[in-house]
Amino acid sequence: MSIREGINNVSTWDLLKGAGIGVINAVLLSAIMVPLFRAGVSPLPEPLGLAFAETLLNRPLPLPIGLLFHIAWVTLWSMVYVALFRDRLTFGNALLVALILWASVLFFFFPFVGWGFLGLKIGPMLIAASAVPHFLFALFLWALSKFSFGKPTEEERAARRRQAYA
């Protein structure tokens, strides 16, 4: 199945479910990450969503603004996961999305916020430290999708294929 066929097989309701999955995923991730930041466990100087928002808007911002950026980002990519892989909501595909996002952090977001390529201006620990939340993102994305969508029947798959070619 091509990417186009996968996207054509997704209903508006599926995308709304994907958005809901994204919001829940972002809240779960924040419930883990924010206390770790406050406890000083994270090697990141500040939450990446907040650092990105502050760099983008060129001014200091409160943590809730960074969390909103994080929620929007996680929600967007959860919807992309559903759109691309509606009939194949596997852990492997969730991990693929997470790896792409992790690479975007290392190669784009860390340099953008001034932490250097791979975050090396801060230190090499950022590479591993940024991998952990992306693995959790994949795990939560997959589990929430399994709960929300279940396993499609062969009839549902066939109906989506027919709809894509109609």
Protein backbone atom coordinates (compact mmCIF):
# COMPACT_ATOMS: atom_id res chain seq x y z
CA MET A 1 0.00 0.00 0.00
CA SER A 2 1.38 3.41 -0.92
CA ILE A 3 1.38 6.43 1.38
CA ARG A 4 -1.34 8.02 -0.75
CA GLU A 5 -3.54 4.95 -0.37
CA GLY A 6 -2.96 4.97 3.39
CA ILE A 7 -3.97 8.61 3.69
CA ASN A 8 -7.01 8.13 1.45
CA ASN A 9 -8.24 5.34 3.72
CA VAL A 10 -8.46 7.60 6.78
CA SER A 11 -11.74 9.13 7.84
CA THR A 12 -12.20 12.44 9.61
CA TRP A 13 -13.26 10.46 12.67
CA ASP A 14 -9.98 8.51 12.54
CA LEU A 15 -8.02 11.78 12.44
CA LEU A 16 -10.02 13.15 15.38
CA LYS A 17 -9.22 9.98 17.31
CA GLY A 18 -5.58 10.50 16.35
CA ALA A 19 -5.76 14.04 17.74
CA GLY A 20 -7.24 12.72 20.99
CA ILE A 21 -4.50 10.10 21.19
CA GLY A 22 -1.94 12.88 20.67
CA VAL A 23 -3.31 15.07 23.45
CA ILE A 24 -3.41 12.13 25.89
CA ASN A 25 0.10 11.07 24.83
CA ALA A 26 1.44 14.61 25.34
CA VAL A 27 -0.17 14.86 28.78
CA LEU A 28 1.29 11.48 29.82
CA LEU A 29 4.75 12.47 28.58
CA SER A 30 4.52 15.84 30.34
CA ALA A 31 3.43 14.13 33.57
CA ILE A 32 6.71 12.19 33.42
CA MET A 33 9.07 14.85 32.07
CA VAL A 34 8.05 17.95 34.06
CA PRO A 35 8.72 16.37 37.48
CA LEU A 36 12.06 15.06 36.19
CA PHE A 37 13.01 18.59 35.11
CA ARG A 38 11.94 20.02 38.45
CA ALA A 39 13.93 17.33 40.29
CA GLY A 40 17.03 18.21 38.25
CA VAL A 41 17.27 14.72 36.72
CA SER A 42 17.14 15.84 33.08
CA PRO A 43 20.39 17.04 31.50
CA LEU A 44 18.43 19.41 29.25
CA PRO A 45 18.74 23.05 30.40
CA GLU A 46 14.98 23.49 30.02
CA PRO A 47 12.09 21.66 28.35
CA LEU A 48 12.68 21.64 24.60
CA GLY A 49 9.16 22.86 23.78
CA LEU A 50 9.74 25.89 26.00
CA ALA A 51 13.22 26.53 24.57
CA PHE A 52 11.78 26.31 21.05
CA ALA A 53 8.91 28.71 21.83
CA GLU A 54 11.29 31.19 23.50
CA THR A 55 13.72 31.06 20.56
CA LEU A 56 10.90 31.37 18.03
CA LEU A 57 9.28 34.32 19.81
CA ASN A 58 12.60 35.78 21.01
CA ARG A 59 11.52 36.30 24.62
CA PRO A 60 11.22 34.41 27.90
CA LEU A 61 7.96 32.50 28.34
CA PRO A 62 6.29 30.57 31.15
CA LEU A 63 6.36 26.76 31.14
CA PRO A 64 2.67 26.38 30.12
CA ILE A 65 3.46 28.00 26.74
CA GLY A 66 6.19 25.42 26.15
CA LEU A 67 3.76 22.67 27.14
CA LEU A 68 1.24 23.98 24.60
CA PHE A 69 3.89 23.79 21.88
CA HIS A 70 4.67 20.23 23.03
CA ILE A 71 1.00 19.22 23.00
CA ALA A 72 0.53 20.65 19.50
CA TRP A 73 3.63 18.84 18.19
CA VAL A 74 2.74 15.47 19.73
CA THR A 75 -0.86 15.80 18.54
CA LEU A 76 0.23 16.61 14.97
CA TRP A 77 2.54 13.60 14.77
CA SER A 78 -0.01 11.29 16.34
CA MET A 79 -2.42 12.30 13.59
CA VAL A 80 0.30 11.70 10.98
CA TYR A 81 0.84 8.20 12.44
CA VAL A 82 -2.88 7.44 12.11
CA ALA A 83 -3.04 8.96 8.61
CA LEU A 84 -0.07 7.00 7.31
CA PHE A 85 -0.58 3.72 9.11
CA ARG A 86 -4.33 3.45 9.81
CA ASP A 87 -4.45 -0.27 9.01
CA ARG A 88 -0.96 -0.93 10.42
CA LEU A 89 -0.90 0.79 13.83
CA THR A 90 2.01 -1.35 15.00
CA PHE A 91 4.68 -0.64 17.58
CA GLY A 92 7.25 -0.77 14.77
CA ASN A 93 5.50 2.00 12.85
CA ALA A 94 5.09 4.06 16.04
CA LEU A 95 8.80 3.58 16.69
CA LEU A 96 9.58 4.68 13.13
CA VAL A 97 7.68 7.95 13.71
CA ALA A 98 9.47 8.38 17.06
CA LEU A 99 12.88 7.83 15.45
CA ILE A 100 12.12 10.43 12.79
CA LEU A 101 11.09 12.88 15.51
CA TRP A 102 14.19 12.09 17.58
CA ALA A 103 16.38 12.75 14.53
CA SER A 104 14.58 16.07 14.01
CA VAL A 105 15.40 16.99 17.61
CA LEU A 106 19.08 16.12 17.23
CA PHE A 107 19.60 17.69 13.81
CA PHE A 108 17.17 20.63 13.81
CA PHE A 109 15.66 21.56 17.17
CA PHE A 110 18.79 21.33 19.34
CA PRO A 111 20.79 23.54 16.94
CA PHE A 112 17.81 25.91 16.52
CA VAL A 113 17.56 26.58 20.26
CA GLY A 114 21.33 27.05 20.56
CA TRP A 115 22.26 23.70 22.09
CA GLY A 116 24.37 22.72 19.09
CA PHE A 117 24.37 19.83 16.65
CA LEU A 118 23.14 16.73 18.54
CA GLY A 119 22.96 18.95 21.64
CA LEU A 120 26.73 18.72 22.04
CA LYS A 121 27.10 22.34 23.23
CA ILE A 122 25.36 21.14 26.39
CA GLY A 123 26.86 17.65 26.42
CA PRO A 124 26.65 14.18 24.90
CA MET A 125 24.09 13.08 27.50
CA LEU A 126 21.45 15.00 25.56
CA ILE A 127 21.58 12.38 22.80
CA ALA A 128 20.50 9.54 25.09
CA ALA A 129 18.33 11.75 27.28
CA SER A 130 16.31 12.86 24.27
CA ALA A 131 15.90 9.26 23.07
CA VAL A 132 14.01 8.18 26.21
CA PRO A 133 10.94 10.43 25.78
CA HIS A 134 10.79 9.50 22.10
CA PHE A 135 10.73 5.81 22.99
CA LEU A 136 7.95 6.54 25.51
CA PHE A 137 6.13 8.54 22.81
CA ALA A 138 6.21 5.45 20.56
CA LEU A 139 5.07 3.15 23.36
CA PHE A 140 2.17 5.41 24.40
CA LEU A 141 1.21 6.11 20.77
CA TRP A 142 1.02 2.42 19.98
CA ALA A 143 -0.85 1.48 23.18
CA LEU A 144 -3.36 4.33 22.88
CA SER A 145 -3.93 3.49 19.22
CA LYS A 146 -4.50 -0.19 20.02
CA PHE A 147 -7.02 0.85 22.67
CA SER A 148 -8.76 3.43 20.45
CA PHE A 149 -8.82 1.57 17.15
CA GLY A 150 -8.47 -2.09 17.97
CA LYS A 151 -7.45 -4.38 15.14
CA PRO A 152 -9.27 -3.67 11.86
CA THR A 153 -11.19 -6.57 10.41
CA GLU A 154 -10.52 -7.72 6.87
CA GLU A 155 -13.92 -6.27 5.90
CA GLU A 156 -12.91 -2.84 7.24
CA ARG A 157 -9.62 -2.97 5.34
CA ALA A 158 -11.40 -3.99 2.13
CA ALA A 159 -13.98 -1.19 2.55
CA ARG A 160 -11.20 1.38 3.01
CA ARG A 161 -9.39 0.09 -0.08
CA ARG A 162 -12.60 0.32 -2.12
CA GLN A 163 -13.19 3.86 -0.81
CA ALA A 164 -9.63 4.87 -1.79
CA TYR A 165 -10.18 3.73 -5.37
CA ALA A 166 -13.72 5.12 -5.72
